[in-house]
Amino acid sequence: MRQVRAQARTAVQLRAKHPHWRVDLAIGTTAPQRALGSLLHLSGLARVLAPLAGASGRLSPPQLLGAQILAADAYYDELASAEAAAKKQP
């Protein structure tokens, strides 16, 4: 999860340096991608699947799905936080 959150912070920096729709598409900040991220967060699905992703070693398909959903939720959460922090800076 630390890596996913770091990727989101880096995505905000990349967007600030290169404001282009292709960058938005690559980092997941287009309207449909954000809507999907918001829906995922509001649904609470990530919290329900969190115990599945807690295993170590090779993950089973349900555990892998749980980990991917948790990662997507963490990414969009950190993306929103990093964007808010970037807007506060002069």
PDB file of N, CA and C in Angstrom:
ATOM      1  N   MET A   1       0.814  -1.194   0.000  1.00  0.00           N
ATOM      2  CA  MET A   1       0.000   0.000   0.000  1.00  0.00           C
ATOM      3  C   MET A   1       0.861   1.263   0.000  1.00  0.00           C
ATOM      4  N   ARG A   2       2.036   1.181   0.629  1.00  0.00           N
ATOM      5  CA  ARG A   2       2.927   2.354   0.616  1.00  0.00           C
ATOM      6  C   ARG A   2       3.333   2.713  -0.802  1.00  0.00           C
ATOM      7  N   GLN A   3       3.605   1.697  -1.613  1.00  0.00           N
ATOM      8  CA  GLN A   3       4.018   1.942  -2.994  1.00  0.00           C
ATOM      9  C   GLN A   3       2.882   2.584  -3.796  1.00  0.00           C
ATOM     10  N   VAL A   4       1.677   2.124  -3.598  1.00  0.00           N
ATOM     11  CA  VAL A   4       0.522   2.677  -4.317  1.00  0.00           C
ATOM     12  C   VAL A   4       0.316   4.137  -3.931  1.00  0.00           C
ATOM     13  N   ARG A   5       0.439   4.442  -2.646  1.00  0.00           N
ATOM     14  CA  ARG A   5       0.280   5.829  -2.195  1.00  0.00           C
ATOM     15  C   ARG A   5       1.396   6.715  -2.742  1.00  0.00           C
ATOM     16  N   ALA A   6       2.612   6.184  -2.806  1.00  0.00           N
ATOM     17  CA  ALA A   6       3.724   6.945  -3.388  1.00  0.00           C
ATOM     18  C   ALA A   6       3.493   7.190  -4.878  1.00  0.00           C
ATOM     19  N   GLN A   7       2.925   6.217  -5.567  1.00  0.00           N
ATOM     20  CA  GLN A   7       2.618   6.390  -6.985  1.00  0.00           C
ATOM     21  C   GLN A   7       1.596   7.501  -7.186  1.00  0.00           C
ATOM     22  N   ALA A   8       0.634   7.599  -6.309  1.00  0.00           N
ATOM     23  CA  ALA A   8      -0.383   8.652  -6.423  1.00  0.00           C
ATOM     24  C   ALA A   8       0.249  10.028  -6.213  1.00  0.00           C
ATOM     25  N   ARG A   9       1.146  10.142  -5.240  1.00  0.00           N
ATOM     26  CA  ARG A   9       1.815  11.430  -5.013  1.00  0.00           C
ATOM     27  C   ARG A   9       2.683  11.807  -6.216  1.00  0.00           C
ATOM     28  N   THR A  10       3.349  10.831  -6.799  1.00  0.00           N
ATOM     29  CA  THR A  10       4.160  11.073  -7.994  1.00  0.00           C
ATOM     30  C   THR A  10       3.276  11.467  -9.170  1.00  0.00           C
ATOM     31  N   ALA A  11       2.105  10.875  -9.269  1.00  0.00           N
ATOM     32  CA  ALA A  11       1.175  11.204 -10.357  1.00  0.00           C
ATOM     33  C   ALA A  11       0.752  12.663 -10.286  1.00  0.00           C
ATOM     34  N   VAL A  12       0.538  13.175  -9.087  1.00  0.00           N
ATOM     35  CA  VAL A  12       0.159  14.581  -8.925  1.00  0.00           C
ATOM     36  C   VAL A  12       1.298  15.486  -9.383  1.00  0.00           C
ATOM     37  N   GLN A  13       2.522  15.123  -9.056  1.00  0.00           N
ATOM     38  CA  GLN A  13       3.683  15.907  -9.494  1.00  0.00           C
ATOM     39  C   GLN A  13       3.819  15.869 -11.012  1.00  0.00           C
ATOM     40  N   LEU A  14       3.604  14.697 -11.596  1.00  0.00           N
ATOM     41  CA  LEU A  14       3.685  14.563 -13.053  1.00  0.00           C
ATOM     42  C   LEU A  14       2.628  15.421 -13.732  1.00  0.00           C
ATOM     43  N   ARG A  15       1.427  15.419 -13.181  1.00  0.00           N
ATOM     44  CA  ARG A  15       0.333  16.213 -13.756  1.00  0.00           C
ATOM     45  C   ARG A  15       0.644  17.706 -13.683  1.00  0.00           C
ATOM     46  N   ALA A  16       1.298  18.132 -12.602  1.00  0.00           N
ATOM     47  CA  ALA A  16       1.651  19.545 -12.462  1.00  0.00           C
ATOM     48  C   ALA A  16       2.691  19.961 -13.505  1.00  0.00           C
ATOM     49  N   LYS A  17       3.589  19.063 -13.838  1.00  0.00           N
ATOM     50  CA  LYS A  17       4.635  19.377 -14.823  1.00  0.00           C
ATOM     51  C   LYS A  17       4.148  19.240 -16.258  1.00  0.00           C
ATOM     52  N   HIS A  18       3.220  18.313 -16.485  1.00  0.00           N
ATOM     53  CA  HIS A  18       2.752  18.026 -17.847  1.00  0.00           C
ATOM     54  C   HIS A  18       1.231  17.985 -17.895  1.00  0.00           C
ATOM     55  N   PRO A  19       0.576  19.138 -17.897  1.00  0.00           N
ATOM     56  CA  PRO A  19      -0.893  19.160 -17.922  1.00  0.00           C
ATOM     57  C   PRO A  19      -1.437  18.821 -19.313  1.00  0.00           C
ATOM     58  N   HIS A  20      -1.707  17.574 -19.526  1.00  0.00           N
ATOM     59  CA  HIS A  20      -2.183  17.111 -20.824  1.00  0.00           C
ATOM     60  C   HIS A  20      -3.168  15.970 -20.588  1.00  0.00           C
ATOM     61  N   TRP A  21      -4.122  15.781 -21.491  1.00  0.00           N
ATOM     62  CA  TRP A  21      -5.123  14.739 -21.317  1.00  0.00           C
ATOM     63  C   TRP A  21      -4.504  13.353 -21.309  1.00  0.00           C
ATOM     64  N   ARG A  22      -3.393  13.170 -22.008  1.00  0.00           N
ATOM     65  CA  ARG A  22      -2.749  11.855 -22.019  1.00  0.00           C
ATOM     66  C   ARG A  22      -2.186  11.505 -20.646  1.00  0.00           C
ATOM     67  N   VAL A  23      -1.670  12.513 -19.963  1.00  0.00           N
ATOM     68  CA  VAL A  23      -1.177  12.297 -18.598  1.00  0.00           C
ATOM     69  C   VAL A  23      -2.357  11.963 -17.681  1.00  0.00           C
ATOM     70  N   ASP A  24      -3.453  12.696 -17.850  1.00  0.00           N
ATOM     71  CA  ASP A  24      -4.652  12.401 -17.056  1.00  0.00           C
ATOM     72  C   ASP A  24      -5.101  10.952 -17.250  1.00  0.00           C
ATOM     73  N   LEU A  25      -5.094  10.506 -18.479  1.00  0.00           N
ATOM     74  CA  LEU A  25      -5.491   9.141 -18.781  1.00  0.00           C
ATOM     75  C   LEU A  25      -4.529   8.140 -18.152  1.00  0.00           C
ATOM     76  N   ALA A  26      -3.238   8.428 -18.220  1.00  0.00           N
ATOM     77  CA  ALA A  26      -2.235   7.510 -17.685  1.00  0.00           C
ATOM     78  C   ALA A  26      -2.284   7.407 -16.163  1.00  0.00           C
ATOM     79  N   ILE A  27      -2.576   8.510 -15.493  1.00  0.00           N
ATOM     80  CA  ILE A  27      -2.560   8.485 -14.028  1.00  0.00           C
ATOM     81  C   ILE A  27      -3.933   8.257 -13.418  1.00  0.00           C
ATOM     82  N   GLY A  28      -4.959   8.162 -14.236  1.00  0.00           N
ATOM     83  CA  GLY A  28      -6.281   7.824 -13.741  1.00  0.00           C
ATOM     84  C   GLY A  28      -7.091   8.988 -13.229  1.00  0.00           C
ATOM     85  N   THR A  29      -6.909  10.165 -13.818  1.00  0.00           N
ATOM     86  CA  THR A  29      -7.665  11.329 -13.344  1.00  0.00           C
ATOM     87  C   THR A  29      -8.727  11.798 -14.325  1.00  0.00           C
ATOM     88  N   THR A  30      -9.102  10.968 -15.267  1.00  0.00           N
ATOM     89  CA  THR A  30     -10.212  11.340 -16.143  1.00  0.00           C
ATOM     90  C   THR A  30     -11.520  11.163 -15.363  1.00  0.00           C
ATOM     91  N   ALA A  31     -12.561  11.778 -15.832  1.00  0.00           N
ATOM     92  CA  ALA A  31     -13.851  11.733 -15.118  1.00  0.00           C
ATOM     93  C   ALA A  31     -14.361  10.300 -14.891  1.00  0.00           C
ATOM     94  N   PRO A  32     -14.339   9.415 -15.897  1.00  0.00           N
ATOM     95  CA  PRO A  32     -14.820   8.050 -15.643  1.00  0.00           C
ATOM     96  C   PRO A  32     -13.952   7.293 -14.632  1.00  0.00           C
ATOM     97  N   GLN A  33     -12.639   7.502 -14.699  1.00  0.00           N
ATOM     98  CA  GLN A  33     -11.763   6.814 -13.758  1.00  0.00           C
ATOM     99  C   GLN A  33     -11.985   7.310 -12.335  1.00  0.00           C
ATOM    100  N   ARG A  34     -12.147   8.614 -12.189  1.00  0.00           N
ATOM    101  CA  ARG A  34     -12.416   9.168 -10.855  1.00  0.00           C
ATOM    102  C   ARG A  34     -13.777   8.709 -10.332  1.00  0.00           C
ATOM    103  N   ALA A  35     -14.760   8.636 -11.212  1.00  0.00           N
ATOM    104  CA  ALA A  35     -16.080   8.171 -10.793  1.00  0.00           C
ATOM    105  C   ALA A  35     -16.013   6.730 -10.301  1.00  0.00           C
ATOM    106  N   LEU A  36     -15.273   5.902 -10.994  1.00  0.00           N
ATOM    107  CA  LEU A  36     -15.109   4.516 -10.572  1.00  0.00           C
ATOM    108  C   LEU A  36     -14.378   4.450  -9.232  1.00  0.00           C
ATOM    109  N   GLY A  37     -13.352   5.267  -9.057  1.00  0.00           N
ATOM    110  CA  GLY A  37     -12.635   5.311  -7.786  1.00  0.00           C
ATOM    111  C   GLY A  37     -13.524   5.771  -6.646  1.00  0.00           C
ATOM    112  N   SER A  38     -14.365   6.779  -6.900  1.00  0.00           N
ATOM    113  CA  SER A  38     -15.296   7.260  -5.872  1.00  0.00           C
ATOM    114  C   SER A  38     -16.335   6.205  -5.534  1.00  0.00           C
ATOM    115  N   LEU A  39     -16.840   5.542  -6.545  1.00  0.00           N
ATOM    116  CA  LEU A  39     -17.826   4.483  -6.329  1.00  0.00           C
ATOM    117  C   LEU A  39     -17.221   3.354  -5.497  1.00  0.00           C
ATOM    118  N   LEU A  40     -15.995   3.002  -5.802  1.00  0.00           N
ATOM    119  CA  LEU A  40     -15.304   1.957  -5.061  1.00  0.00           C
ATOM    120  C   LEU A  40     -15.143   2.359  -3.601  1.00  0.00           C
ATOM    121  N   HIS A  41     -14.757   3.602  -3.378  1.00  0.00           N
ATOM    122  CA  HIS A  41     -14.559   4.070  -2.006  1.00  0.00           C
ATOM    123  C   HIS A  41     -15.878   4.139  -1.241  1.00  0.00           C
ATOM    124  N   LEU A  42     -16.909   4.669  -1.871  1.00  0.00           N
ATOM    125  CA  LEU A  42     -18.205   4.808  -1.202  1.00  0.00           C
ATOM    126  C   LEU A  42     -18.890   3.469  -0.940  1.00  0.00           C
ATOM    127  N   SER A  43     -18.594   2.492  -1.766  1.00  0.00           N
ATOM    128  CA  SER A  43     -19.236   1.186  -1.597  1.00  0.00           C
ATOM    129  C   SER A  43     -18.747   0.455  -0.357  1.00  0.00           C
ATOM    130  N   GLY A  44     -17.536   0.762   0.093  1.00  0.00           N
ATOM    131  CA  GLY A  44     -16.975   0.074   1.248  1.00  0.00           C
ATOM    132  C   GLY A  44     -16.474  -1.318   0.929  1.00  0.00           C
ATOM    133  N   LEU A  45     -16.416  -1.662  -0.337  1.00  0.00           N
ATOM    134  CA  LEU A  45     -15.975  -2.986  -0.762  1.00  0.00           C
ATOM    135  C   LEU A  45     -14.542  -3.266  -0.332  1.00  0.00           C
ATOM    136  N   ALA A  46     -13.693  -2.243  -0.364  1.00  0.00           N
ATOM    137  CA  ALA A  46     -12.298  -2.433   0.016  1.00  0.00           C
ATOM    138  C   ALA A  46     -12.178  -2.865   1.473  1.00  0.00           C
ATOM    139  N   ARG A  47     -12.994  -2.274   2.343  1.00  0.00           N
ATOM    140  CA  ARG A  47     -12.945  -2.648   3.765  1.00  0.00           C
ATOM    141  C   ARG A  47     -13.432  -4.078   3.975  1.00  0.00           C
ATOM    142  N   VAL A  48     -14.402  -4.493   3.185  1.00  0.00           N
ATOM    143  CA  VAL A  48     -14.928  -5.854   3.311  1.00  0.00           C
ATOM    144  C   VAL A  48     -13.884  -6.870   2.852  1.00  0.00           C
ATOM    145  N   LEU A  49     -13.154  -6.527   1.787  1.00  0.00           N
ATOM    146  CA  LEU A  49     -12.180  -7.467   1.231  1.00  0.00           C
ATOM    147  C   LEU A  49     -10.803  -7.374   1.880  1.00  0.00           C
ATOM    148  N   ALA A  50     -10.598  -6.442   2.781  1.00  0.00           N
ATOM    149  CA  ALA A  50      -9.288  -6.258   3.410  1.00  0.00           C
ATOM    150  C   ALA A  50      -8.752  -7.537   4.061  1.00  0.00           C
ATOM    151  N   PRO A  51      -9.559  -8.318   4.767  1.00  0.00           N
ATOM    152  CA  PRO A  51      -9.022  -9.544   5.362  1.00  0.00           C
ATOM    153  C   PRO A  51      -8.518 -10.557   4.332  1.00  0.00           C
ATOM    154  N   LEU A  52      -9.109 -10.566   3.148  1.00  0.00           N
ATOM    155  CA  LEU A  52      -8.653 -11.498   2.114  1.00  0.00           C
ATOM    156  C   LEU A  52      -7.240 -11.183   1.638  1.00  0.00           C
ATOM    157  N   ALA A  53      -6.888  -9.907   1.623  1.00  0.00           N
ATOM    158  CA  ALA A  53      -5.591  -9.496   1.084  1.00  0.00           C
ATOM    159  C   ALA A  53      -4.489  -9.534   2.123  1.00  0.00           C
ATOM    160  N   GLY A  54      -4.800  -9.906   3.342  1.00  0.00           N
ATOM    161  CA  GLY A  54      -3.819  -9.854   4.415  1.00  0.00           C
ATOM    162  C   GLY A  54      -2.834 -11.012   4.438  1.00  0.00           C
ATOM    163  N   ALA A  55      -2.964 -11.989   3.586  1.00  0.00           N
ATOM    164  CA  ALA A  55      -2.087 -13.154   3.609  1.00  0.00           C
ATOM    165  C   ALA A  55      -0.724 -12.832   3.011  1.00  0.00           C
ATOM    166  N   SER A  56       0.252 -13.608   3.393  1.00  0.00           N
ATOM    167  CA  SER A  56       1.585 -13.453   2.810  1.00  0.00           C
ATOM    168  C   SER A  56       1.859 -14.637   1.884  1.00  0.00           C
ATOM    169  N   GLY A  57       2.844 -14.478   1.039  1.00  0.00           N
ATOM    170  CA  GLY A  57       3.154 -15.535   0.080  1.00  0.00           C
ATOM    171  C   GLY A  57       2.313 -15.388  -1.174  1.00  0.00           C
ATOM    172  N   ARG A  58       2.120 -16.493  -1.855  1.00  0.00           N
ATOM    173  CA  ARG A  58       1.342 -16.476  -3.090  1.00  0.00           C
ATOM    174  C   ARG A  58      -0.142 -16.309  -2.765  1.00  0.00           C
ATOM    175  N   LEU A  59      -0.778 -15.380  -3.455  1.00  0.00           N
ATOM    176  CA  LEU A  59      -2.183 -15.084  -3.192  1.00  0.00           C
ATOM    177  C   LEU A  59      -3.090 -15.916  -4.083  1.00  0.00           C
ATOM    178  N   SER A  60      -4.185 -16.362  -3.512  1.00  0.00           N
ATOM    179  CA  SER A  60      -5.197 -17.060  -4.297  1.00  0.00           C
ATOM    180  C   SER A  60      -5.942 -16.018  -5.131  1.00  0.00           C
ATOM    181  N   PRO A  61      -6.702 -16.428  -6.125  1.00  0.00           N
ATOM    182  CA  PRO A  61      -7.443 -15.440  -6.934  1.00  0.00           C
ATOM    183  C   PRO A  61      -8.340 -14.506  -6.119  1.00  0.00           C
ATOM    184  N   PRO A  62      -9.101 -14.989  -5.125  1.00  0.00           N
ATOM    185  CA  PRO A  62      -9.901 -14.036  -4.340  1.00  0.00           C
ATOM    186  C   PRO A  62      -9.027 -13.071  -3.530  1.00  0.00           C
ATOM    187  N   GLN A  63      -7.914 -13.560  -3.008  1.00  0.00           N
ATOM    188  CA  GLN A  63      -7.003 -12.696  -2.265  1.00  0.00           C
ATOM    189  C   GLN A  63      -6.376 -11.649  -3.181  1.00  0.00           C
ATOM    190  N   LEU A  64      -6.020 -12.045  -4.380  1.00  0.00           N
ATOM    191  CA  LEU A  64      -5.445 -11.116  -5.350  1.00  0.00           C
ATOM    192  C   LEU A  64      -6.458 -10.040  -5.731  1.00  0.00           C
ATOM    193  N   LEU A  65      -7.690 -10.435  -5.948  1.00  0.00           N
ATOM    194  CA  LEU A  65      -8.743  -9.466  -6.256  1.00  0.00           C
ATOM    195  C   LEU A  65      -8.929  -8.485  -5.100  1.00  0.00           C
ATOM    196  N   GLY A  66      -8.931  -9.007  -3.890  1.00  0.00           N
ATOM    197  CA  GLY A  66      -9.051  -8.145  -2.719  1.00  0.00           C
ATOM    198  C   GLY A  66      -7.897  -7.161  -2.620  1.00  0.00           C
ATOM    199  N   ALA A  67      -6.687  -7.628  -2.894  1.00  0.00           N
ATOM    200  CA  ALA A  67      -5.515  -6.760  -2.842  1.00  0.00           C
ATOM    201  C   ALA A  67      -5.577  -5.683  -3.920  1.00  0.00           C
ATOM    202  N   GLN A  68      -6.041  -6.042  -5.108  1.00  0.00           N
ATOM    203  CA  GLN A  68      -6.147  -5.065  -6.187  1.00  0.00           C
ATOM    204  C   GLN A  68      -7.199  -4.004  -5.878  1.00  0.00           C
ATOM    205  N   ILE A  69      -8.298  -4.403  -5.287  1.00  0.00           N
ATOM    206  CA  ILE A  69      -9.344  -3.441  -4.918  1.00  0.00           C
ATOM    207  C   ILE A  69      -8.852  -2.524  -3.816  1.00  0.00           C
ATOM    208  N   LEU A  70      -8.157  -3.091  -2.830  1.00  0.00           N
ATOM    209  CA  LEU A  70      -7.576  -2.264  -1.772  1.00  0.00           C
ATOM    210  C   LEU A  70      -6.579  -1.266  -2.340  1.00  0.00           C
ATOM    211  N   ALA A  71      -5.744  -1.716  -3.284  1.00  0.00           N
ATOM    212  CA  ALA A  71      -4.746  -0.837  -3.888  1.00  0.00           C
ATOM    213  C   ALA A  71      -5.414   0.296  -4.667  1.00  0.00           C
ATOM    214  N   ALA A  72      -6.465  -0.009  -5.406  1.00  0.00           N
ATOM    215  CA  ALA A  72      -7.166   1.029  -6.168  1.00  0.00           C
ATOM    216  C   ALA A  72      -7.798   2.045  -5.228  1.00  0.00           C
ATOM    217  N   ASP A  73      -8.384   1.567  -4.149  1.00  0.00           N
ATOM    218  CA  ASP A  73      -8.996   2.467  -3.171  1.00  0.00           C
ATOM    219  C   ASP A  73      -7.934   3.361  -2.531  1.00  0.00           C
ATOM    220  N   ALA A  74      -6.815   2.785  -2.162  1.00  0.00           N
ATOM    221  CA  ALA A  74      -5.729   3.566  -1.553  1.00  0.00           C
ATOM    222  C   ALA A  74      -5.163   4.577  -2.543  1.00  0.00           C
ATOM    223  N   TYR A  75      -5.050   4.195  -3.818  1.00  0.00           N
ATOM    224  CA  TYR A  75      -4.513   5.094  -4.840  1.00  0.00           C
ATOM    225  C   TYR A  75      -5.385   6.332  -4.988  1.00  0.00           C
ATOM    226  N   TYR A  76      -6.685   6.138  -5.148  1.00  0.00           N
ATOM    227  CA  TYR A  76      -7.569   7.294  -5.352  1.00  0.00           C
ATOM    228  C   TYR A  76      -7.720   8.129  -4.085  1.00  0.00           C
ATOM    229  N   ASP A  77      -7.625   7.493  -2.929  1.00  0.00           N
ATOM    230  CA  ASP A  77      -7.645   8.243  -1.675  1.00  0.00           C
ATOM    231  C   ASP A  77      -6.408   9.133  -1.573  1.00  0.00           C
ATOM    232  N   GLU A  78      -5.253   8.568  -1.847  1.00  0.00           N
ATOM    233  CA  GLU A  78      -4.011   9.345  -1.775  1.00  0.00           C
ATOM    234  C   GLU A  78      -3.946  10.391  -2.886  1.00  0.00           C
ATOM    235  N   LEU A  79      -4.473  10.081  -4.052  1.00  0.00           N
ATOM    236  CA  LEU A  79      -4.501  11.039  -5.157  1.00  0.00           C
ATOM    237  C   LEU A  79      -5.293  12.284  -4.756  1.00  0.00           C
ATOM    238  N   ALA A  80      -6.431  12.079  -4.146  1.00  0.00           N
ATOM    239  CA  ALA A  80      -7.246  13.219  -3.696  1.00  0.00           C
ATOM    240  C   ALA A  80      -6.518  14.019  -2.618  1.00  0.00           C
ATOM    241  N   SER A  81      -5.872  13.334  -1.691  1.00  0.00           N
ATOM    242  CA  SER A  81      -5.132  14.022  -0.625  1.00  0.00           C
ATOM    243  C   SER A  81      -3.953  14.810  -1.187  1.00  0.00           C
ATOM    244  N   ALA A  82      -3.217  14.206  -2.106  1.00  0.00           N
ATOM    245  CA  ALA A  82      -2.055  14.871  -2.685  1.00  0.00           C
ATOM    246  C   ALA A  82      -2.466  16.070  -3.531  1.00  0.00           C
ATOM    247  N   GLU A  83      -3.582  15.964  -4.257  1.00  0.00           N
ATOM    248  CA  GLU A  83      -4.062  17.089  -5.045  1.00  0.00           C
ATOM    249  C   GLU A  83      -4.500  18.246  -4.133  1.00  0.00           C
ATOM    250  N   ALA A  84      -5.158  17.908  -3.045  1.00  0.00           N
ATOM    251  CA  ALA A  84      -5.585  18.945  -2.093  1.00  0.00           C
ATOM    252  C   ALA A  84      -4.372  19.622  -1.480  1.00  0.00           C
ATOM    253  N   ALA A  85      -3.356  18.871  -1.148  1.00  0.00           N
ATOM    254  CA  ALA A  85      -2.134  19.438  -0.573  1.00  0.00           C
ATOM    255  C   ALA A  85      -1.404  20.306  -1.597  1.00  0.00           C
ATOM    256  N   ALA A  86      -1.406  19.877  -2.853  1.00  0.00           N
ATOM    257  CA  ALA A  86      -0.733  20.645  -3.908  1.00  0.00           C
ATOM    258  C   ALA A  86      -1.445  21.975  -4.150  1.00  0.00           C
ATOM    259  N   LYS A  87      -2.767  21.999  -4.018  1.00  0.00           N
ATOM    260  CA  LYS A  87      -3.522  23.235  -4.234  1.00  0.00           C
ATOM    261  C   LYS A  87      -3.279  24.243  -3.101  1.00  0.00           C
ATOM    262  N   LYS A  88      -2.964  23.747  -1.900  1.00  0.00           N
ATOM    263  CA  LYS A  88      -2.712  24.630  -0.773  1.00  0.00           C
ATOM    264  C   LYS A  88      -1.352  25.315  -0.867  1.00  0.00           C
ATOM    265  N   GLN A  89      -0.404  24.676  -1.565  1.00  0.00           N
ATOM    266  CA  GLN A  89       0.925  25.257  -1.707  1.00  0.00           C
ATOM    267  C   GLN A  89       0.885  26.395  -2.703  1.00  0.00           C
ATOM    268  N   PRO A  90       1.682  27.477  -2.440  1.00  0.00           N
ATOM    269  CA  PRO A  90       1.680  28.621  -3.370  1.00  0.00           C
ATOM    270  C   PRO A  90       2.320  28.322  -4.690  1.00  0.00           C
TER     271      PRO A  90
END
